[in-house]
C-alpha atoms as a PDB file:
ATOM      1  CA  UNK A   1     -16.990  20.230  14.739  1.00  0.00           C
ATOM      2  CA  UNK A   2     -14.810  17.402  15.961  1.00  0.00           C
ATOM      3  CA  UNK A   3     -12.607  14.881  14.199  1.00  0.00           C
ATOM      4  CA  UNK A   4     -12.916  11.380  15.665  1.00  0.00           C
ATOM      5  CA  UNK A   5     -10.426   8.510  15.351  1.00  0.00           C
ATOM      6  CA  UNK A   6     -11.931   5.129  16.299  1.00  0.00           C
ATOM      7  CA  UNK A   7     -10.424   1.646  16.422  1.00  0.00           C
ATOM      8  CA  UNK A   8     -12.194  -1.692  16.024  1.00  0.00           C
ATOM      9  CA  UNK A   9     -15.666  -1.721  17.640  1.00  0.00           C
ATOM     10  CA  UNK A  10     -15.209   1.961  18.426  1.00  0.00           C
ATOM     11  CA  UNK A  11     -15.740   2.535  14.708  1.00  0.00           C
ATOM     12  CA  UNK A  12     -19.147   0.841  14.887  1.00  0.00           C
ATOM     13  CA  UNK A  13     -20.127   3.020  17.841  1.00  0.00           C
ATOM     14  CA  UNK A  14     -19.003   6.086  15.881  1.00  0.00           C
ATOM     15  CA  UNK A  15     -20.908   5.057  12.761  1.00  0.00           C
ATOM     16  CA  UNK A  16     -24.093   4.526  14.769  1.00  0.00           C
ATOM     17  CA  UNK A  17     -23.695   7.918  16.449  1.00  0.00           C
ATOM     18  CA  UNK A  18     -23.148   9.663  13.123  1.00  0.00           C
ATOM     19  CA  UNK A  19     -26.340   8.168  11.724  1.00  0.00           C
ATOM     20  CA  UNK A  20     -28.683   8.262  14.689  1.00  0.00           C
ATOM     21  CA  UNK A  21     -27.162  10.588  17.258  1.00  0.00           C
ATOM     22  CA  UNK A  22     -28.341   9.747  20.771  1.00  0.00           C
ATOM     23  CA  UNK A  23     -31.395   7.769  19.631  1.00  0.00           C
ATOM     24  CA  UNK A  24     -31.613   4.232  21.020  1.00  0.00           C
ATOM     25  CA  UNK A  25     -33.015   1.104  19.407  1.00  0.00           C
ATOM     26  CA  UNK A  26     -36.652   0.249  20.054  1.00  0.00           C
ATOM     27  CA  UNK A  27     -37.548  -3.085  21.655  1.00  0.00           C
ATOM     28  CA  UNK A  28     -39.902  -3.913  18.769  1.00  0.00           C
ATOM     29  CA  UNK A  29     -37.022  -4.078  16.289  1.00  0.00           C
ATOM     30  CA  UNK A  30     -37.864  -0.893  14.400  1.00  0.00           C
ATOM     31  CA  UNK A  31     -35.026   1.435  13.483  1.00  0.00           C
ATOM     32  CA  UNK A  32     -34.803   5.032  14.662  1.00  0.00           C
ATOM     33  CA  UNK A  33     -35.083   7.725  11.988  1.00  0.00           C
ATOM     34  CA  UNK A  34     -31.828   8.072  10.065  1.00  0.00           C
ATOM     35  CA  UNK A  35     -31.257  11.755  10.848  1.00  0.00           C
ATOM     36  CA  UNK A  36     -27.444  11.938  10.719  1.00  0.00           C
ATOM     37  CA  UNK A  37     -27.735  13.841  13.983  1.00  0.00           C
ATOM     38  CA  UNK A  38     -24.210  12.930  15.057  1.00  0.00           C
ATOM     39  CA  UNK A  39     -22.774  14.321  11.830  1.00  0.00           C
ATOM     40  CA  UNK A  40     -23.772  17.798  12.993  1.00  0.00           C
ATOM     41  CA  UNK A  41     -20.839  17.612  15.424  1.00  0.00           C
ATOM     42  CA  UNK A  42     -18.314  15.556  13.430  1.00  0.00           C
ATOM     43  CA  UNK A  43     -16.372  16.534  10.333  1.00  0.00           C
ATOM     44  CA  UNK A  44     -13.893  13.679   9.916  1.00  0.00           C
ATOM     45  CA  UNK A  45     -14.432  10.067  10.962  1.00  0.00           C
ATOM     46  CA  UNK A  46     -11.286   7.900  10.785  1.00  0.00           C
ATOM     47  CA  UNK A  47     -12.000   4.204  11.266  1.00  0.00           C
ATOM     48  CA  UNK A  48      -9.118   1.827  11.995  1.00  0.00           C
ATOM     49  CA  UNK A  49      -9.599  -1.939  11.745  1.00  0.00           C
ATOM     50  CA  UNK A  50     -13.364  -1.636  12.197  1.00  0.00           C
ATOM     51  CA  UNK A  51     -15.351  -4.872  11.609  1.00  0.00           C
ATOM     52  CA  UNK A  52     -18.112  -3.225   9.584  1.00  0.00           C
ATOM     53  CA  UNK A  53     -19.377  -6.652   8.487  1.00  0.00           C
ATOM     54  CA  UNK A  54     -18.450  -8.399  11.748  1.00  0.00           C
ATOM     55  CA  UNK A  55     -15.609 -10.682  12.724  1.00  0.00           C
ATOM     56  CA  UNK A  56     -15.441 -14.467  12.718  1.00  0.00           C
ATOM     57  CA  UNK A  57     -13.403 -14.130  15.924  1.00  0.00           C
ATOM     58  CA  UNK A  58     -16.594 -13.104  17.760  1.00  0.00           C
ATOM     59  CA  UNK A  59     -18.357 -16.330  16.774  1.00  0.00           C
ATOM     60  CA  UNK A  60     -15.259 -18.296  17.773  1.00  0.00           C
ATOM     61  CA  UNK A  61     -15.186 -16.591  21.200  1.00  0.00           C
ATOM     62  CA  UNK A  62     -18.895 -17.171  21.849  1.00  0.00           C
ATOM     63  CA  UNK A  63     -18.497 -20.874  21.058  1.00  0.00           C
ATOM     64  CA  UNK A  64     -15.089 -21.623  22.571  1.00  0.00           C
ATOM     65  CA  UNK A  65     -14.266 -18.694  24.852  1.00  0.00           C
ATOM     66  CA  UNK A  66     -11.329 -16.338  24.618  1.00  0.00           C
ATOM     67  CA  UNK A  67      -7.757 -16.814  25.754  1.00  0.00           C
ATOM     68  CA  UNK A  68      -5.741 -13.677  25.011  1.00  0.00           C
ATOM     69  CA  UNK A  69      -2.484 -14.990  26.420  1.00  0.00           C
ATOM     70  CA  UNK A  70      -0.481 -15.435  29.621  1.00  0.00           C
ATOM     71  CA  UNK A  71      -1.307 -13.245  32.630  1.00  0.00           C
ATOM     72  CA  UNK A  72      -4.739 -12.355  31.145  1.00  0.00           C
ATOM     73  CA  UNK A  73      -7.747 -14.195  32.633  1.00  0.00           C
ATOM     74  CA  UNK A  74      -9.420 -16.623  30.274  1.00  0.00           C
ATOM     75  CA  UNK A  75     -13.022 -15.781  29.369  1.00  0.00           C
ATOM     76  CA  UNK A  76     -15.103 -18.958  28.999  1.00  0.00           C
ATOM     77  CA  UNK A  77     -18.121 -19.011  26.659  1.00  0.00           C
ATOM     78  CA  UNK A  78     -20.507 -18.798  29.616  1.00  0.00           C
ATOM     79  CA  UNK A  79     -19.068 -15.389  30.535  1.00  0.00           C
ATOM     80  CA  UNK A  80     -18.697 -13.996  27.010  1.00  0.00           C
ATOM     81  CA  UNK A  81     -22.242 -15.124  26.244  1.00  0.00           C
ATOM     82  CA  UNK A  82     -23.576 -12.590  28.733  1.00  0.00           C
ATOM     83  CA  UNK A  83     -22.019  -9.649  26.822  1.00  0.00           C
ATOM     84  CA  UNK A  84     -24.363  -8.157  24.182  1.00  0.00           C
ATOM     85  CA  UNK A  85     -21.520  -6.360  22.395  1.00  0.00           C
ATOM     86  CA  UNK A  86     -19.810  -9.647  21.476  1.00  0.00           C
ATOM     87  CA  UNK A  87     -22.910 -10.819  19.596  1.00  0.00           C
ATOM     88  CA  UNK A  88     -23.047  -7.497  17.758  1.00  0.00           C
ATOM     89  CA  UNK A  89     -19.597  -8.299  16.348  1.00  0.00           C
ATOM     90  CA  UNK A  90     -20.898 -11.446  14.635  1.00  0.00           C
ATOM     91  CA  UNK A  91     -20.507 -11.617  10.832  1.00  0.00           C
ATOM     92  CA  UNK A  92     -23.534 -11.125   8.624  1.00  0.00           C
ATOM     93  CA  UNK A  93     -25.264 -14.428   7.787  1.00  0.00           C
ATOM     94  CA  UNK A  94     -25.862 -13.247   4.212  1.00  0.00           C
ATOM     95  CA  UNK A  95     -22.122 -13.311   3.569  1.00  0.00           C
ATOM     96  CA  UNK A  96     -21.956 -17.086   3.979  1.00  0.00           C
ATOM     97  CA  UNK A  97     -19.202 -17.209   6.590  1.00  0.00           C
ATOM     98  CA  UNK A  98     -20.473 -20.350   8.322  1.00  0.00           C
ATOM     99  CA  UNK A  99     -21.628 -23.723   7.059  1.00  0.00           C
ATOM    100  CA  UNK A 100     -23.115 -26.840   8.644  1.00  0.00           C
ATOM    101  CA  UNK A 101     -20.872 -29.808   7.938  1.00  0.00           C
ATOM    102  CA  UNK A 102     -23.847 -32.201   7.950  1.00  0.00           C
ATOM    103  CA  UNK A 103     -25.604 -30.340   5.143  1.00  0.00           C
ATOM    104  CA  UNK A 104     -22.738 -29.132   2.978  1.00  0.00           C
ATOM    105  CA  UNK A 105     -21.999 -25.534   2.114  1.00  0.00           C
ATOM    106  CA  UNK A 106     -25.473 -24.171   2.930  1.00  0.00           C
ATOM    107  CA  UNK A 107     -25.243 -21.209   5.251  1.00  0.00           C
ATOM    108  CA  UNK A 108     -26.862 -21.022   8.679  1.00  0.00           C
ATOM    109  CA  UNK A 109     -28.418 -18.013  10.375  1.00  0.00           C
ATOM    110  CA  UNK A 110     -26.404 -17.810  13.590  1.00  0.00           C
ATOM    111  CA  UNK A 111     -28.263 -14.666  14.682  1.00  0.00           C
ATOM    112  CA  UNK A 112     -31.290 -16.823  15.601  1.00  0.00           C
ATOM    113  CA  UNK A 113     -31.651 -18.469  19.054  1.00  0.00           C
ATOM    114  CA  UNK A 114     -32.824 -21.713  17.460  1.00  0.00           C
ATOM    115  CA  UNK A 115     -29.429 -22.097  15.791  1.00  0.00           C
ATOM    116  CA  UNK A 116     -27.558 -21.844  19.128  1.00  0.00           C
ATOM    117  CA  UNK A 117     -29.977 -24.275  20.743  1.00  0.00           C
ATOM    118  CA  UNK A 118     -29.556 -26.768  17.925  1.00  0.00           C
ATOM    119  CA  UNK A 119     -25.760 -26.455  17.948  1.00  0.00           C
ATOM    120  CA  UNK A 120     -25.728 -26.554  21.790  1.00  0.00           C
ATOM    121  CA  UNK A 121     -23.345 -23.614  21.983  1.00  0.00           C
ATOM    122  CA  UNK A 122     -22.783 -20.590  24.177  1.00  0.00           C
ATOM    123  CA  UNK A 123     -25.296 -19.988  26.943  1.00  0.00           C
ATOM    124  CA  UNK A 124     -27.219 -23.133  26.005  1.00  0.00           C
ATOM    125  CA  UNK A 125     -24.213 -25.456  25.895  1.00  0.00           C
ATOM    126  CA  UNK A 126     -24.258 -28.524  28.165  1.00  0.00           C
ATOM    127  CA  UNK A 127     -22.161 -28.367  31.303  1.00  0.00           C
ATOM    128  CA  UNK A 128     -22.857 -24.723  32.187  1.00  0.00           C
ATOM    129  CA  UNK A 129     -24.867 -25.463  35.301  1.00  0.00           C
ATOM    130  CA  UNK A 130     -22.098 -24.493  37.739  1.00  0.00           C
ATOM    131  CA  UNK A 131     -21.271 -21.350  35.779  1.00  0.00           C
ATOM    132  CA  UNK A 132     -24.923 -20.277  35.666  1.00  0.00           C
ATOM    133  CA  UNK A 133     -25.216 -20.898  39.394  1.00  0.00           C
ATOM    134  CA  UNK A 134     -22.449 -18.346  39.942  1.00  0.00           C
ATOM    135  CA  UNK A 135     -23.831 -15.880  37.397  1.00  0.00           C
ATOM    136  CA  UNK A 136     -27.424 -16.117  38.644  1.00  0.00           C
ATOM    137  CA  UNK A 137     -27.224 -16.588  42.418  1.00  0.00           C
ATOM    138  CA  UNK A 138     -30.749 -15.242  42.930  1.00  0.00           C
ATOM    139  CA  UNK A 139     -32.383 -18.109  41.047  1.00  0.00           C
ATOM    140  CA  UNK A 140     -32.899 -21.262  43.048  1.00  0.00           C
ATOM    141  CA  UNK A 141     -33.227 -23.968  40.391  1.00  0.00           C
ATOM    142  CA  UNK A 142     -31.244 -25.162  37.361  1.00  0.00           C
ATOM    143  CA  UNK A 143     -34.398 -24.929  35.230  1.00  0.00           C
ATOM    144  CA  UNK A 144     -34.948 -21.259  36.044  1.00  0.00           C
ATOM    145  CA  UNK A 145     -31.294 -20.460  35.471  1.00  0.00           C
ATOM    146  CA  UNK A 146     -31.274 -22.209  32.086  1.00  0.00           C
ATOM    147  CA  UNK A 147     -34.477 -20.435  31.069  1.00  0.00           C
ATOM    148  CA  UNK A 148     -33.020 -17.056  32.076  1.00  0.00           C
ATOM    149  CA  UNK A 149     -29.854 -17.770  30.087  1.00  0.00           C
ATOM    150  CA  UNK A 150     -31.959 -18.626  27.024  1.00  0.00           C
ATOM    151  CA  UNK A 151     -33.979 -15.429  27.422  1.00  0.00           C
ATOM    152  CA  UNK A 152     -30.773 -13.403  27.626  1.00  0.00           C
ATOM    153  CA  UNK A 153     -29.445 -15.125  24.499  1.00  0.00           C
ATOM    154  CA  UNK A 154     -32.689 -14.262  22.686  1.00  0.00           C
ATOM    155  CA  UNK A 155     -32.427 -10.583  23.698  1.00  0.00           C
ATOM    156  CA  UNK A 156     -28.781 -10.334  22.653  1.00  0.00           C
ATOM    157  CA  UNK A 157     -29.410 -11.885  19.244  1.00  0.00           C
ATOM    158  CA  UNK A 158     -32.492  -9.723  18.676  1.00  0.00           C
ATOM    159  CA  UNK A 159     -30.427  -6.600  19.379  1.00  0.00           C
ATOM    160  CA  UNK A 160     -27.725  -7.935  17.050  1.00  0.00           C
ATOM    161  CA  UNK A 161     -30.116  -8.317  14.128  1.00  0.00           C
ATOM    162  CA  UNK A 162     -31.439  -4.794  14.673  1.00  0.00           C
ATOM    163  CA  UNK A 163     -28.029  -3.125  15.022  1.00  0.00           C
ATOM    164  CA  UNK A 164     -26.821  -4.897  11.882  1.00  0.00           C
ATOM    165  CA  UNK A 165     -29.759  -3.478   9.922  1.00  0.00           C
ATOM    166  CA  UNK A 166     -29.185  -0.041  11.430  1.00  0.00           C
ATOM    167  CA  UNK A 167     -25.525   0.026  10.411  1.00  0.00           C
ATOM    168  CA  UNK A 168     -25.933  -1.610   6.988  1.00  0.00           C
ATOM    169  CA  UNK A 169     -28.738   0.581   5.664  1.00  0.00           C
ATOM    170  CA  UNK A 170     -27.520   2.399   2.571  1.00  0.00           C
ATOM    171  CA  UNK A 171     -27.974   6.144   2.754  1.00  0.00           C
ATOM    172  CA  UNK A 172     -26.165   9.131   1.308  1.00  0.00           C
ATOM    173  CA  UNK A 173     -24.178  10.787   4.055  1.00  0.00           C
ATOM    174  CA  UNK A 174     -24.509  14.534   4.425  1.00  0.00           C
ATOM    175  CA  UNK A 175     -22.145  17.047   2.877  1.00  0.00           C
ATOM    176  CA  UNK A 176     -19.360  18.109   5.218  1.00  0.00           C
ATOM    177  CA  UNK A 177     -18.827  14.656   6.728  1.00  0.00           C
ATOM    178  CA  UNK A 178     -15.681  12.864   5.551  1.00  0.00           C
ATOM    179  CA  UNK A 179     -15.003   9.197   6.248  1.00  0.00           C
ATOM    180  CA  UNK A 180     -11.642   7.455   6.015  1.00  0.00           C
ATOM    181  CA  UNK A 181     -10.715   3.801   6.508  1.00  0.00           C
ATOM    182  CA  UNK A 182      -7.442   2.201   7.592  1.00  0.00           C
ATOM    183  CA  UNK A 183      -7.474  -1.597   7.394  1.00  0.00           C
ATOM    184  CA  UNK A 184      -5.078  -4.523   7.411  1.00  0.00           C
ATOM    185  CA  UNK A 185      -4.833  -6.795   4.393  1.00  0.00           C
ATOM    186  CA  UNK A 186      -1.619  -8.800   4.858  1.00  0.00           C
ATOM    187  CA  UNK A 187      -2.409 -11.161   7.763  1.00  0.00           C
ATOM    188  CA  UNK A 188      -4.271 -14.481   7.375  1.00  0.00           C
ATOM    189  CA  UNK A 189      -7.733 -13.879   8.805  1.00  0.00           C
ATOM    190  CA  UNK A 190     -10.665 -16.242   9.346  1.00  0.00           C
ATOM    191  CA  UNK A 191     -13.220 -15.872   6.565  1.00  0.00           C
ATOM    192  CA  UNK A 192     -15.302 -19.043   6.705  1.00  0.00           C
ATOM    193  CA  UNK A 193     -15.669 -21.920   9.137  1.00  0.00           C
ATOM    194  CA  UNK A 194     -17.961 -24.889   9.654  1.00  0.00           C
ATOM    195  CA  UNK A 195     -19.039 -27.305  12.358  1.00  0.00           C
ATOM    196  CA  UNK A 196     -21.442 -30.075  13.235  1.00  0.00           C
ATOM    197  CA  UNK A 197     -24.031 -29.984  15.992  1.00  0.00           C
ATOM    198  CA  UNK A 198     -22.327 -30.174  19.369  1.00  0.00           C
ATOM    199  CA  UNK A 199     -18.804 -29.632  18.054  1.00  0.00           C
ATOM    200  CA  UNK A 200     -16.524 -27.890  20.516  1.00  0.00           C
ATOM    201  CA  UNK A 201     -14.170 -26.782  17.745  1.00  0.00           C
ATOM    202  CA  UNK A 202     -14.742 -24.883  14.508  1.00  0.00           C
ATOM    203  CA  UNK A 203     -13.147 -26.100  11.298  1.00  0.00           C
ATOM    204  CA  UNK A 204     -11.458 -23.295   9.394  1.00  0.00           C
ATOM    205  CA  UNK A 205     -12.530 -23.620   5.759  1.00  0.00           C
ATOM    206  CA  UNK A 206     -11.090 -20.395   4.374  1.00  0.00           C
ATOM    207  CA  UNK A 207      -8.742 -17.607   5.394  1.00  0.00           C
ATOM    208  CA  UNK A 208      -7.988 -14.433   3.529  1.00  0.00           C
ATOM    209  CA  UNK A 209      -6.588 -10.935   3.677  1.00  0.00           C
ATOM    210  CA  UNK A 210      -7.106  -8.956   6.855  1.00  0.00           C
ATOM    211  CA  UNK A 211      -5.403  -7.868  10.059  1.00  0.00           C
ATOM    212  CA  UNK A 212      -5.649 -11.264  11.753  1.00  0.00           C
ATOM    213  CA  UNK A 213      -8.934 -10.342  13.456  1.00  0.00           C
ATOM    214  CA  UNK A 214     -10.934  -8.282  10.962  1.00  0.00           C
ATOM    215  CA  UNK A 215     -10.927  -9.245   7.310  1.00  0.00           C
ATOM    216  CA  UNK A 216     -10.336  -6.688   4.590  1.00  0.00           C
ATOM    217  CA  UNK A 217     -13.797  -7.493   3.205  1.00  0.00           C
ATOM    218  CA  UNK A 218     -15.417  -6.837   6.581  1.00  0.00           C
ATOM    219  CA  UNK A 219     -13.710  -3.481   7.017  1.00  0.00           C
ATOM    220  CA  UNK A 220     -15.065  -2.491   3.600  1.00  0.00           C
ATOM    221  CA  UNK A 221     -18.487  -4.080   4.225  1.00  0.00           C
ATOM    222  CA  UNK A 222     -17.963  -5.702   0.843  1.00  0.00           C
ATOM    223  CA  UNK A 223     -21.283  -7.168  -0.290  1.00  0.00           C
ATOM    224  CA  UNK A 224     -19.613  -9.294  -2.958  1.00  0.00           C
ATOM    225  CA  UNK A 225     -18.732 -11.779  -0.194  1.00  0.00           C
ATOM    226  CA  UNK A 226     -21.117 -14.709  -0.417  1.00  0.00           C
ATOM    227  CA  UNK A 227     -22.587 -13.339  -3.643  1.00  0.00           C
ATOM    228  CA  UNK A 228     -21.663 -12.556  -7.217  1.00  0.00           C
ATOM    229  CA  UNK A 229     -18.151 -11.240  -7.769  1.00  0.00           C
ATOM    230  CA  UNK A 230     -17.751  -8.082  -9.829  1.00  0.00           C
ATOM    231  CA  UNK A 231     -14.561  -6.100 -10.460  1.00  0.00           C
ATOM    232  CA  UNK A 232     -15.349  -3.138  -8.183  1.00  0.00           C
ATOM    233  CA  UNK A 233     -16.200  -3.108  -4.476  1.00  0.00           C
ATOM    234  CA  UNK A 234     -19.916  -3.210  -3.715  1.00  0.00           C
ATOM    235  CA  UNK A 235     -20.611  -1.572  -0.362  1.00  0.00           C
ATOM    236  CA  UNK A 236     -23.207   0.730   1.230  1.00  0.00           C
ATOM    237  CA  UNK A 237     -20.261   2.578   2.781  1.00  0.00           C
ATOM    238  CA  UNK A 238     -18.570   5.237   0.695  1.00  0.00           C
ATOM    239  CA  UNK A 239     -15.071   6.225   1.794  1.00  0.00           C
ATOM    240  CA  UNK A 240     -13.160   9.391   1.018  1.00  0.00           C
ATOM    241  CA  UNK A 241      -9.940   7.404   1.351  1.00  0.00           C
ATOM    242  CA  UNK A 242      -8.881   3.822   2.085  1.00  0.00           C
ATOM    243  CA  UNK A 243      -5.444   2.733   3.264  1.00  0.00           C
ATOM    244  CA  UNK A 244      -4.299  -0.895   3.561  1.00  0.00           C
ATOM    245  CA  UNK A 245      -1.420  -1.782   5.869  1.00  0.00           C
ATOM    246  CA  UNK A 246       0.387  -4.982   6.844  1.00  0.00           C
ATOM    247  CA  UNK A 247       0.035  -4.589  10.631  1.00  0.00           C
ATOM    248  CA  UNK A 248      -2.131  -6.778  12.827  1.00  0.00           C
ATOM    249  CA  UNK A 249      -5.358  -5.617  14.464  1.00  0.00           C
ATOM    250  CA  UNK A 250      -3.812  -3.831  17.455  1.00  0.00           C
ATOM    251  CA  UNK A 251      -0.672  -2.929  15.533  1.00  0.00           C
ATOM    252  CA  UNK A 252      -2.695  -0.724  13.187  1.00  0.00           C
ATOM    253  CA  UNK A 253      -3.039   1.822  15.986  1.00  0.00           C
ATOM    254  CA  UNK A 254       0.715   2.258  16.321  1.00  0.00           C
ATOM    255  CA  UNK A 255       1.790   1.677  12.727  1.00  0.00           C
ATOM    256  CA  UNK A 256       4.031   4.650  11.806  1.00  0.00           C
ATOM    257  CA  UNK A 257       2.527   4.863   8.320  1.00  0.00           C
ATOM    258  CA  UNK A 258      -0.980   4.990   9.801  1.00  0.00           C
ATOM    259  CA  UNK A 259       0.026   7.626  12.336  1.00  0.00           C
ATOM    260  CA  UNK A 260       1.627   9.871   9.722  1.00  0.00           C
ATOM    261  CA  UNK A 261      -1.395   9.682   7.462  1.00  0.00           C
ATOM    262  CA  UNK A 262      -3.840  10.235  10.310  1.00  0.00           C
ATOM    263  CA  UNK A 263      -1.937  13.372  11.271  1.00  0.00           C
ATOM    264  CA  UNK A 264      -2.040  14.504   7.665  1.00  0.00           C
ATOM    265  CA  UNK A 265      -5.814  14.025   7.494  1.00  0.00           C
ATOM    266  CA  UNK A 266      -6.326  15.829  10.799  1.00  0.00           C
ATOM    267  CA  UNK A 267      -4.009  18.775  10.248  1.00  0.00           C
ATOM    268  CA  UNK A 268      -3.119  19.157   6.588  1.00  0.00           C
ATOM    269  CA  UNK A 269      -5.908  17.818   4.382  1.00  0.00           C
ATOM    270  CA  UNK A 270      -7.673  20.439   2.261  1.00  0.00           C
ATOM    271  CA  UNK A 271     -11.246  19.898   3.486  1.00  0.00           C
ATOM    272  CA  UNK A 272     -12.964  23.183   4.065  1.00  0.00           C
ATOM    273  CA  UNK A 273     -13.567  23.765   7.774  1.00  0.00           C
ATOM    274  CA  UNK A 274     -15.931  26.644   7.069  1.00  0.00           C
END
């Protein structure tokens, strides 16, 4: 068996593999059998800064684009909106991380195409005609290009809803598989935002503990968020150990405390290797 260390979205890929092995998602939205096929080859899964409940940064990037800094090309929303994996990083609507400013605190289901059309965001935002002309050179009319962009948005969001259900389904993991989490909880991290229809900026309504990209609650998949608070964590994920550090999202991978403890888990922990 192998031990696997995964950072950020790599942890979601690992979790899916552990549960479903090489099975893919069906187009009709049904989930593959939860066989834990991947766990036959993995003993320890170490997840670092994994957005198990999504990241508000993904929604921000799909609406506004991403600018990582100097010397790195800016990714406008029209480009990021073509990438299915970005949608799959969206937070869960049930956790109440987004509100419509016209209607008060009521949550909105941003995994539905109708929401993006109403908000006029992403691939259906106004002013994307030139970008779509570059992205879809084989289509000879603005109408066909806009329709294709909407169809792609629909497919991406459909896959997002399915993968969220696949990863969130509670199920007892098999004996012999150990799961460990390393997460940040000392950097202000977006928790909740709001906007009106057509806004090109998101109002930050709440920040909280996290690594600056992934909140502590998301790493835990804490179901108390947006619901009733109780003293102990409520999550379908059961961890053999959890470590909180003060580093940022990328810094977690080179944090000396994280490295020392990862090495301990890999080489010195008492789990029986058979």
